[in-house]
Amino acid sequence: MPKTVIPELQTEVPKPHPVLECLLGAYDYSIIGEAGGLTQFGVHIEVLRPGSKSSLRHWHETEDEMIYMLSGEVVLIEETETRLCKGDAACWPAGAATAHCLENRSDADASYLTIGTRNRVDTIHYPDHNLITHKDGAARRYSQSDGSPYPERTSK
């Protein structure tokens, strides 16, 4: 197989979460796995700008996740906080209820490689927000932690 050309970084403009309406901040990304034809797991580079978060704290029932720091530093937020720098890694096995996210509290960009399972169906828990996302392909359904429907947003 020939060398995979890494796609240029693309900027993700912050959009409100579809249910919670919060913003996480800007980041850049390059999807390497698809460029290389991978179908079983995803691989991409993310560049997290100062003041941005990677996501809301979450964990997956059926998908493994891993990050490997390429440059800069971030704070890994789980039940405690851990500083991650170039060469550090963090892993979250599928089904392990360790909610996590990354935050760039520095004054410089931080980049990391993300590797994870790409299951069609998954359930993602957001314990800080009483939210569960039920993923089936491109479709998303949202519920509260007890399984009841998530309340409708009142603002537009």
N, C-alpha and C. Protein backbone atom coordinates (compact mmCIF):
# COMPACT_ATOMS: atom_id res chain seq x y z
N MET A 1 0.85 -1.18 0.00
CA MET A 1 0.00 0.00 0.00
C MET A 1 0.89 1.24 0.00
N PRO A 2 0.58 2.21 -0.81
CA PRO A 2 1.41 3.42 -0.87
C PRO A 2 1.26 4.28 0.38
N LYS A 3 2.18 5.19 0.52
CA LYS A 3 2.14 6.16 1.62
C LYS A 3 0.82 6.93 1.57
N THR A 4 0.21 7.12 2.72
CA THR A 4 -1.04 7.87 2.80
C THR A 4 -0.73 9.36 2.91
N VAL A 5 -1.36 10.12 2.05
CA VAL A 5 -1.21 11.57 2.11
C VAL A 5 -2.15 12.09 3.20
N ILE A 6 -1.60 12.80 4.16
CA ILE A 6 -2.42 13.34 5.25
C ILE A 6 -3.16 14.57 4.74
N PRO A 7 -4.48 14.55 4.82
CA PRO A 7 -5.26 15.71 4.36
C PRO A 7 -4.91 16.97 5.14
N GLU A 8 -5.04 18.10 4.49
CA GLU A 8 -4.79 19.39 5.15
C GLU A 8 -5.76 19.57 6.31
N LEU A 9 -5.32 20.30 7.31
CA LEU A 9 -6.18 20.60 8.45
C LEU A 9 -7.38 21.43 7.99
N GLN A 10 -8.54 21.09 8.54
CA GLN A 10 -9.75 21.86 8.30
C GLN A 10 -10.19 22.45 9.63
N THR A 11 -10.77 23.63 9.59
CA THR A 11 -11.22 24.29 10.81
C THR A 11 -12.67 23.95 11.07
N GLU A 12 -12.95 23.55 12.30
CA GLU A 12 -14.32 23.30 12.74
C GLU A 12 -14.79 24.55 13.45
N VAL A 13 -15.78 25.18 12.88
CA VAL A 13 -16.35 26.38 13.50
C VAL A 13 -17.25 25.93 14.65
N PRO A 14 -17.08 26.50 15.83
CA PRO A 14 -17.90 26.07 16.96
C PRO A 14 -19.39 26.22 16.68
N LYS A 15 -20.14 25.14 16.93
CA LYS A 15 -21.59 25.14 16.80
C LYS A 15 -22.18 24.74 18.15
N PRO A 16 -23.34 25.25 18.48
CA PRO A 16 -23.96 24.84 19.74
C PRO A 16 -24.29 23.34 19.73
N HIS A 17 -24.14 22.69 20.87
CA HIS A 17 -24.54 21.30 21.00
C HIS A 17 -26.03 21.21 20.66
N PRO A 18 -26.46 20.16 19.95
CA PRO A 18 -27.86 20.09 19.51
C PRO A 18 -28.89 20.06 20.63
N VAL A 19 -28.50 19.65 21.82
CA VAL A 19 -29.43 19.61 22.94
C VAL A 19 -29.06 20.65 24.00
N LEU A 20 -27.80 20.71 24.35
CA LEU A 20 -27.37 21.55 25.47
C LEU A 20 -27.06 22.99 25.07
N GLU A 21 -26.84 23.24 23.81
CA GLU A 21 -26.59 24.56 23.25
C GLU A 21 -25.28 25.20 23.69
N CYS A 22 -24.39 24.47 24.36
CA CYS A 22 -23.13 25.06 24.79
C CYS A 22 -22.10 24.99 23.66
N LEU A 23 -21.10 25.88 23.72
CA LEU A 23 -20.02 25.90 22.74
C LEU A 23 -18.75 25.36 23.38
N LEU A 24 -17.93 24.68 22.57
CA LEU A 24 -16.70 24.08 23.09
C LEU A 24 -15.45 24.82 22.64
N GLY A 25 -15.54 25.64 21.62
CA GLY A 25 -14.38 26.36 21.12
C GLY A 25 -13.89 25.79 19.80
N ALA A 26 -13.04 26.53 19.13
CA ALA A 26 -12.58 26.16 17.80
C ALA A 26 -11.48 25.10 17.86
N TYR A 27 -11.44 24.28 16.83
CA TYR A 27 -10.34 23.33 16.66
C TYR A 27 -10.17 23.03 15.18
N ASP A 28 -9.01 22.48 14.85
CA ASP A 28 -8.72 22.04 13.49
C ASP A 28 -8.58 20.53 13.51
N TYR A 29 -8.82 19.89 12.36
CA TYR A 29 -8.71 18.44 12.31
C TYR A 29 -8.30 17.98 10.91
N SER A 30 -7.73 16.78 10.87
CA SER A 30 -7.39 16.11 9.62
C SER A 30 -7.73 14.64 9.80
N ILE A 31 -8.62 14.13 8.97
CA ILE A 31 -9.06 12.74 9.07
C ILE A 31 -8.12 11.86 8.25
N ILE A 32 -7.23 11.15 8.94
CA ILE A 32 -6.22 10.34 8.28
C ILE A 32 -6.77 8.97 7.89
N GLY A 33 -7.54 8.35 8.77
CA GLY A 33 -8.01 6.99 8.54
C GLY A 33 -8.78 6.83 7.25
N GLU A 34 -9.71 7.73 6.98
CA GLU A 34 -10.49 7.65 5.75
C GLU A 34 -9.61 7.85 4.53
N ALA A 35 -8.63 8.75 4.63
CA ALA A 35 -7.71 8.97 3.51
C ALA A 35 -6.93 7.69 3.19
N GLY A 36 -6.68 6.87 4.21
CA GLY A 36 -5.97 5.61 4.02
C GLY A 36 -6.88 4.43 3.77
N GLY A 37 -8.20 4.67 3.70
CA GLY A 37 -9.15 3.59 3.41
C GLY A 37 -9.54 2.73 4.59
N LEU A 38 -9.23 3.17 5.81
CA LEU A 38 -9.58 2.38 6.99
C LEU A 38 -11.09 2.40 7.21
N THR A 39 -11.64 1.27 7.63
CA THR A 39 -13.08 1.17 7.85
C THR A 39 -13.43 0.69 9.26
N GLN A 40 -12.50 0.10 9.98
CA GLN A 40 -12.80 -0.47 11.29
C GLN A 40 -12.56 0.49 12.45
N PHE A 41 -11.65 1.43 12.26
CA PHE A 41 -11.39 2.40 13.31
C PHE A 41 -11.02 3.73 12.69
N GLY A 42 -11.25 4.80 13.44
CA GLY A 42 -10.95 6.14 12.97
C GLY A 42 -9.61 6.62 13.49
N VAL A 43 -8.93 7.39 12.67
CA VAL A 43 -7.66 8.01 13.06
C VAL A 43 -7.69 9.44 12.55
N HIS A 44 -7.48 10.38 13.43
CA HIS A 44 -7.40 11.76 12.97
C HIS A 44 -6.52 12.58 13.91
N ILE A 45 -6.06 13.70 13.37
CA ILE A 45 -5.29 14.66 14.15
C ILE A 45 -6.24 15.80 14.50
N GLU A 46 -6.19 16.23 15.75
CA GLU A 46 -6.92 17.41 16.17
C GLU A 46 -5.94 18.43 16.71
N VAL A 47 -6.20 19.69 16.42
CA VAL A 47 -5.44 20.79 16.99
C VAL A 47 -6.41 21.61 17.82
N LEU A 48 -6.21 21.59 19.12
CA LEU A 48 -7.10 22.28 20.05
C LEU A 48 -6.50 23.65 20.36
N ARG A 49 -7.25 24.68 20.08
CA ARG A 49 -6.77 26.05 20.29
C ARG A 49 -6.88 26.45 21.77
N PRO A 50 -6.11 27.45 22.18
CA PRO A 50 -6.18 27.90 23.57
C PRO A 50 -7.62 28.24 23.97
N GLY A 51 -8.02 27.76 25.14
CA GLY A 51 -9.36 28.03 25.65
C GLY A 51 -10.43 27.08 25.15
N SER A 52 -10.08 26.14 24.27
CA SER A 52 -11.07 25.21 23.70
C SER A 52 -11.09 23.88 24.44
N LYS A 53 -12.24 23.20 24.35
CA LYS A 53 -12.40 21.85 24.88
C LYS A 53 -12.62 20.90 23.71
N SER A 54 -12.20 19.65 23.88
CA SER A 54 -12.38 18.64 22.83
C SER A 54 -13.84 18.20 22.73
N SER A 55 -14.54 18.21 23.84
CA SER A 55 -15.91 17.70 23.90
C SER A 55 -16.45 17.99 25.29
N LEU A 56 -17.67 17.58 25.53
CA LEU A 56 -18.18 17.51 26.90
C LEU A 56 -17.64 16.22 27.50
N ARG A 57 -17.52 16.16 28.82
CA ARG A 57 -17.07 14.90 29.44
C ARG A 57 -18.06 13.80 29.07
N HIS A 58 -17.52 12.68 28.55
CA HIS A 58 -18.36 11.61 28.03
C HIS A 58 -17.62 10.27 28.11
N TRP A 59 -18.37 9.18 27.92
CA TRP A 59 -17.78 7.86 27.74
C TRP A 59 -18.69 7.06 26.80
N HIS A 60 -18.09 6.06 26.12
CA HIS A 60 -18.80 5.26 25.12
C HIS A 60 -19.02 3.83 25.61
N GLU A 61 -20.21 3.31 25.35
CA GLU A 61 -20.49 1.91 25.71
C GLU A 61 -19.77 0.93 24.79
N THR A 62 -19.65 1.25 23.48
CA THR A 62 -19.14 0.26 22.53
C THR A 62 -17.91 0.70 21.74
N GLU A 63 -17.35 1.85 22.04
CA GLU A 63 -16.20 2.32 21.27
C GLU A 63 -15.00 2.60 22.16
N ASP A 64 -13.85 2.01 21.79
CA ASP A 64 -12.58 2.35 22.42
C ASP A 64 -12.14 3.72 21.92
N GLU A 65 -11.43 4.46 22.77
CA GLU A 65 -10.84 5.74 22.37
C GLU A 65 -9.42 5.83 22.91
N MET A 66 -8.56 6.50 22.15
CA MET A 66 -7.19 6.73 22.58
C MET A 66 -6.71 8.05 22.00
N ILE A 67 -5.90 8.77 22.76
CA ILE A 67 -5.22 9.95 22.20
C ILE A 67 -3.72 9.82 22.48
N TYR A 68 -2.94 10.40 21.57
CA TYR A 68 -1.49 10.47 21.72
C TYR A 68 -1.09 11.90 21.44
N MET A 69 -0.48 12.56 22.41
CA MET A 69 -0.12 13.97 22.28
C MET A 69 1.05 14.16 21.31
N LEU A 70 0.85 15.05 20.33
CA LEU A 70 1.89 15.37 19.34
C LEU A 70 2.64 16.64 19.70
N SER A 71 1.94 17.64 20.23
CA SER A 71 2.58 18.91 20.59
C SER A 71 1.72 19.65 21.60
N GLY A 72 2.35 20.57 22.31
CA GLY A 72 1.61 21.40 23.26
C GLY A 72 1.21 20.62 24.51
N GLU A 73 0.23 21.17 25.22
CA GLU A 73 -0.26 20.51 26.42
C GLU A 73 -1.75 20.75 26.58
N VAL A 74 -2.41 19.77 27.17
CA VAL A 74 -3.84 19.87 27.48
C VAL A 74 -4.03 19.36 28.91
N VAL A 75 -5.20 19.63 29.44
CA VAL A 75 -5.60 19.06 30.72
C VAL A 75 -6.65 18.00 30.42
N LEU A 76 -6.37 16.76 30.84
CA LEU A 76 -7.33 15.67 30.74
C LEU A 76 -8.24 15.79 31.95
N ILE A 77 -9.54 15.95 31.69
CA ILE A 77 -10.51 16.10 32.77
C ILE A 77 -11.32 14.82 32.87
N GLU A 78 -11.13 14.09 33.96
CA GLU A 78 -11.92 12.92 34.30
C GLU A 78 -12.54 13.24 35.66
N GLU A 79 -12.46 12.34 36.62
CA GLU A 79 -12.87 12.70 37.99
C GLU A 79 -11.81 13.60 38.62
N THR A 80 -10.59 13.48 38.14
CA THR A 80 -9.48 14.35 38.52
C THR A 80 -8.92 14.96 37.24
N GLU A 81 -7.95 15.84 37.37
CA GLU A 81 -7.34 16.47 36.21
C GLU A 81 -5.88 16.04 36.10
N THR A 82 -5.44 15.79 34.85
CA THR A 82 -4.08 15.35 34.58
C THR A 82 -3.53 16.15 33.40
N ARG A 83 -2.35 16.69 33.56
CA ARG A 83 -1.70 17.43 32.47
C ARG A 83 -1.08 16.42 31.50
N LEU A 84 -1.36 16.59 30.21
CA LEU A 84 -0.78 15.75 29.17
C LEU A 84 0.06 16.61 28.24
N CYS A 85 1.27 16.14 27.92
CA CYS A 85 2.21 16.86 27.05
C CYS A 85 2.67 15.93 25.93
N LYS A 86 3.45 16.48 25.01
CA LYS A 86 3.99 15.72 23.88
C LYS A 86 4.54 14.38 24.35
N GLY A 87 4.09 13.31 23.68
CA GLY A 87 4.54 11.96 24.01
C GLY A 87 3.65 11.23 24.99
N ASP A 88 2.72 11.93 25.65
CA ASP A 88 1.79 11.29 26.58
C ASP A 88 0.62 10.68 25.82
N ALA A 89 0.02 9.66 26.42
CA ALA A 89 -1.15 9.01 25.82
C ALA A 89 -2.20 8.77 26.90
N ALA A 90 -3.43 8.62 26.46
CA ALA A 90 -4.53 8.25 27.36
C ALA A 90 -5.47 7.34 26.58
N CYS A 91 -6.01 6.32 27.26
CA CYS A 91 -6.88 5.33 26.62
C CYS A 91 -8.15 5.15 27.44
N TRP A 92 -9.26 4.92 26.74
CA TRP A 92 -10.54 4.66 27.37
C TRP A 92 -11.18 3.46 26.68
N PRO A 93 -11.16 2.28 27.34
CA PRO A 93 -11.79 1.10 26.75
C PRO A 93 -13.31 1.25 26.68
N ALA A 94 -13.89 0.65 25.67
CA ALA A 94 -15.35 0.65 25.52
C ALA A 94 -15.99 0.10 26.80
N GLY A 95 -17.06 0.76 27.23
CA GLY A 95 -17.81 0.29 28.38
C GLY A 95 -17.28 0.74 29.73
N ALA A 96 -16.06 1.25 29.78
CA ALA A 96 -15.52 1.76 31.04
C ALA A 96 -16.11 3.14 31.29
N ALA A 97 -16.83 3.29 32.38
CA ALA A 97 -17.57 4.53 32.65
C ALA A 97 -16.66 5.62 33.20
N THR A 98 -15.62 5.95 32.44
CA THR A 98 -14.69 7.02 32.80
C THR A 98 -14.95 8.19 31.87
N ALA A 99 -15.80 9.10 32.31
CA ALA A 99 -16.11 10.27 31.48
C ALA A 99 -14.87 11.15 31.38
N HIS A 100 -14.63 11.68 30.19
CA HIS A 100 -13.40 12.41 29.93
C HIS A 100 -13.58 13.46 28.85
N CYS A 101 -12.72 14.47 28.89
CA CYS A 101 -12.56 15.44 27.81
C CYS A 101 -11.20 16.08 27.98
N LEU A 102 -10.79 16.83 26.97
CA LEU A 102 -9.52 17.55 27.01
C LEU A 102 -9.80 19.04 26.96
N GLU A 103 -8.99 19.81 27.66
CA GLU A 103 -9.13 21.27 27.62
C GLU A 103 -7.74 21.88 27.44
N ASN A 104 -7.65 22.83 26.53
CA ASN A 104 -6.39 23.54 26.33
C ASN A 104 -6.42 24.82 27.16
N ARG A 105 -5.73 24.80 28.28
CA ARG A 105 -5.66 25.97 29.16
C ARG A 105 -4.39 26.78 28.94
N SER A 106 -3.59 26.38 27.97
CA SER A 106 -2.33 27.07 27.70
C SER A 106 -2.57 28.23 26.73
N ASP A 107 -1.50 28.91 26.37
CA ASP A 107 -1.61 30.02 25.42
C ASP A 107 -1.11 29.63 24.03
N ALA A 108 -0.97 28.31 23.78
CA ALA A 108 -0.51 27.83 22.48
C ALA A 108 -1.39 26.66 22.03
N ASP A 109 -1.43 26.41 20.73
CA ASP A 109 -2.17 25.26 20.20
C ASP A 109 -1.60 23.96 20.77
N ALA A 110 -2.45 22.95 20.87
CA ALA A 110 -2.04 21.60 21.28
C ALA A 110 -2.58 20.63 20.23
N SER A 111 -1.75 19.69 19.80
CA SER A 111 -2.21 18.72 18.79
C SER A 111 -2.06 17.31 19.33
N TYR A 112 -2.97 16.45 18.89
CA TYR A 112 -2.95 15.06 19.33
C TYR A 112 -3.57 14.18 18.26
N LEU A 113 -3.15 12.93 18.26
CA LEU A 113 -3.68 11.91 17.38
C LEU A 113 -4.80 11.22 18.14
N THR A 114 -5.94 11.06 17.51
CA THR A 114 -7.07 10.36 18.11
C THR A 114 -7.31 9.07 17.33
N ILE A 115 -7.45 7.97 18.04
CA ILE A 115 -7.72 6.67 17.42
C ILE A 115 -8.91 6.08 18.16
N GLY A 116 -9.88 5.55 17.42
CA GLY A 116 -11.04 4.98 18.08
C GLY A 116 -11.86 4.09 17.17
N THR A 117 -12.63 3.24 17.81
CA THR A 117 -13.55 2.36 17.11
C THR A 117 -14.59 3.17 16.35
N ARG A 118 -15.07 2.64 15.24
CA ARG A 118 -16.09 3.34 14.45
C ARG A 118 -17.32 2.44 14.33
N ASN A 119 -18.00 2.22 15.43
CA ASN A 119 -19.21 1.40 15.40
C ASN A 119 -20.39 2.20 14.86
N ARG A 120 -21.24 1.52 14.12
CA ARG A 120 -22.45 2.17 13.60
C ARG A 120 -23.37 2.55 14.75
N VAL A 121 -23.47 1.68 15.72
CA VAL A 121 -24.37 1.89 16.86
C VAL A 121 -23.54 2.05 18.13
N ASP A 122 -23.85 3.07 18.90
CA ASP A 122 -23.15 3.31 20.16
C ASP A 122 -24.07 4.10 21.08
N THR A 123 -23.77 4.04 22.35
CA THR A 123 -24.46 4.85 23.35
C THR A 123 -23.39 5.64 24.08
N ILE A 124 -23.56 6.96 24.10
CA ILE A 124 -22.57 7.86 24.67
C ILE A 124 -23.18 8.56 25.89
N HIS A 125 -22.52 8.46 27.01
CA HIS A 125 -23.02 9.02 28.27
C HIS A 125 -22.29 10.33 28.59
N TYR A 126 -23.07 11.34 29.00
CA TYR A 126 -22.56 12.65 29.42
C TYR A 126 -23.03 12.88 30.86
N PRO A 127 -22.33 12.31 31.85
CA PRO A 127 -22.84 12.33 33.22
C PRO A 127 -22.97 13.72 33.84
N ASP A 128 -22.19 14.69 33.40
CA ASP A 128 -22.30 16.04 33.96
C ASP A 128 -23.54 16.77 33.48
N HIS A 129 -24.21 16.22 32.48
CA HIS A 129 -25.34 16.91 31.85
C HIS A 129 -26.62 16.07 31.82
N ASN A 130 -26.64 14.93 32.54
CA ASN A 130 -27.83 14.08 32.56
C ASN A 130 -28.28 13.78 31.13
N LEU A 131 -27.32 13.45 30.26
CA LEU A 131 -27.60 13.26 28.84
C LEU A 131 -27.00 11.95 28.35
N ILE A 132 -27.76 11.24 27.53
CA ILE A 132 -27.27 10.07 26.81
C ILE A 132 -27.59 10.28 25.34
N THR A 133 -26.60 10.05 24.48
CA THR A 133 -26.81 10.10 23.04
C THR A 133 -26.82 8.67 22.52
N HIS A 134 -27.89 8.33 21.80
CA HIS A 134 -28.02 7.02 21.18
C HIS A 134 -27.71 7.20 19.70
N LYS A 135 -26.60 6.62 19.25
CA LYS A 135 -26.14 6.79 17.87
C LYS A 135 -26.48 5.55 17.07
N ASP A 136 -27.08 5.75 15.90
CA ASP A 136 -27.32 4.68 14.94
C ASP A 136 -26.99 5.24 13.56
N GLY A 137 -25.77 5.01 13.10
CA GLY A 137 -25.31 5.64 11.87
C GLY A 137 -25.26 7.14 12.06
N ALA A 138 -25.87 7.87 11.12
CA ALA A 138 -25.89 9.33 11.23
C ALA A 138 -26.99 9.83 12.17
N ALA A 139 -27.92 8.96 12.53
CA ALA A 139 -29.06 9.36 13.37
C ALA A 139 -28.64 9.45 14.84
N ARG A 140 -29.21 10.42 15.53
CA ARG A 140 -28.97 10.61 16.96
C ARG A 140 -30.31 10.77 17.67
N ARG A 141 -30.42 10.11 18.83
CA ARG A 141 -31.57 10.27 19.69
C ARG A 141 -31.02 10.59 21.07
N TYR A 142 -31.68 11.51 21.77
CA TYR A 142 -31.17 11.98 23.06
C TYR A 142 -32.15 11.62 24.17
N SER A 143 -31.60 11.17 25.30
CA SER A 143 -32.44 10.89 26.46
C SER A 143 -31.70 11.34 27.72
N GLN A 144 -32.46 11.37 28.82
CA GLN A 144 -31.85 11.64 30.12
C GLN A 144 -31.22 10.34 30.63
N SER A 145 -30.45 10.44 31.67
CA SER A 145 -29.75 9.26 32.20
C SER A 145 -30.69 8.14 32.61
N ASP A 146 -31.91 8.48 33.00
CA ASP A 146 -32.88 7.46 33.39
C ASP A 146 -33.63 6.88 32.20
N GLY A 147 -33.31 7.32 30.98
CA GLY A 147 -33.95 6.80 29.77
C GLY A 147 -35.12 7.63 29.28
N SER A 148 -35.61 8.56 30.09
CA SER A 148 -36.73 9.39 29.65
C SER A 148 -36.25 10.39 28.59
N PRO A 149 -37.16 10.86 27.73
CA PRO A 149 -36.76 11.80 26.68
C PRO A 149 -36.15 13.07 27.26
N TYR A 150 -35.18 13.62 26.54
CA TYR A 150 -34.57 14.87 26.97
C TYR A 150 -35.57 15.99 26.75
N PRO A 151 -35.72 16.94 27.70
CA PRO A 151 -36.69 18.02 27.53
C PRO A 151 -36.40 18.85 26.28
N GLU A 152 -37.46 19.33 25.65
CA GLU A 152 -37.32 20.20 24.47
C GLU A 152 -36.64 21.49 24.87
N ARG A 153 -35.82 22.02 23.97
CA ARG A 153 -35.21 23.33 24.21
C ARG A 153 -36.28 24.40 24.14
N THR A 154 -36.13 25.41 24.98
CA THR A 154 -37.10 26.51 24.95
C THR A 154 -36.59 27.69 24.15
N SER A 155 -35.27 27.81 23.98
CA SER A 155 -34.72 28.92 23.18
C SER A 155 -34.46 28.45 21.76
N LYS A 156 -34.46 29.38 20.85
CA LYS A 156 -34.21 29.06 19.43
C LYS A 156 -33.12 29.93 18.90
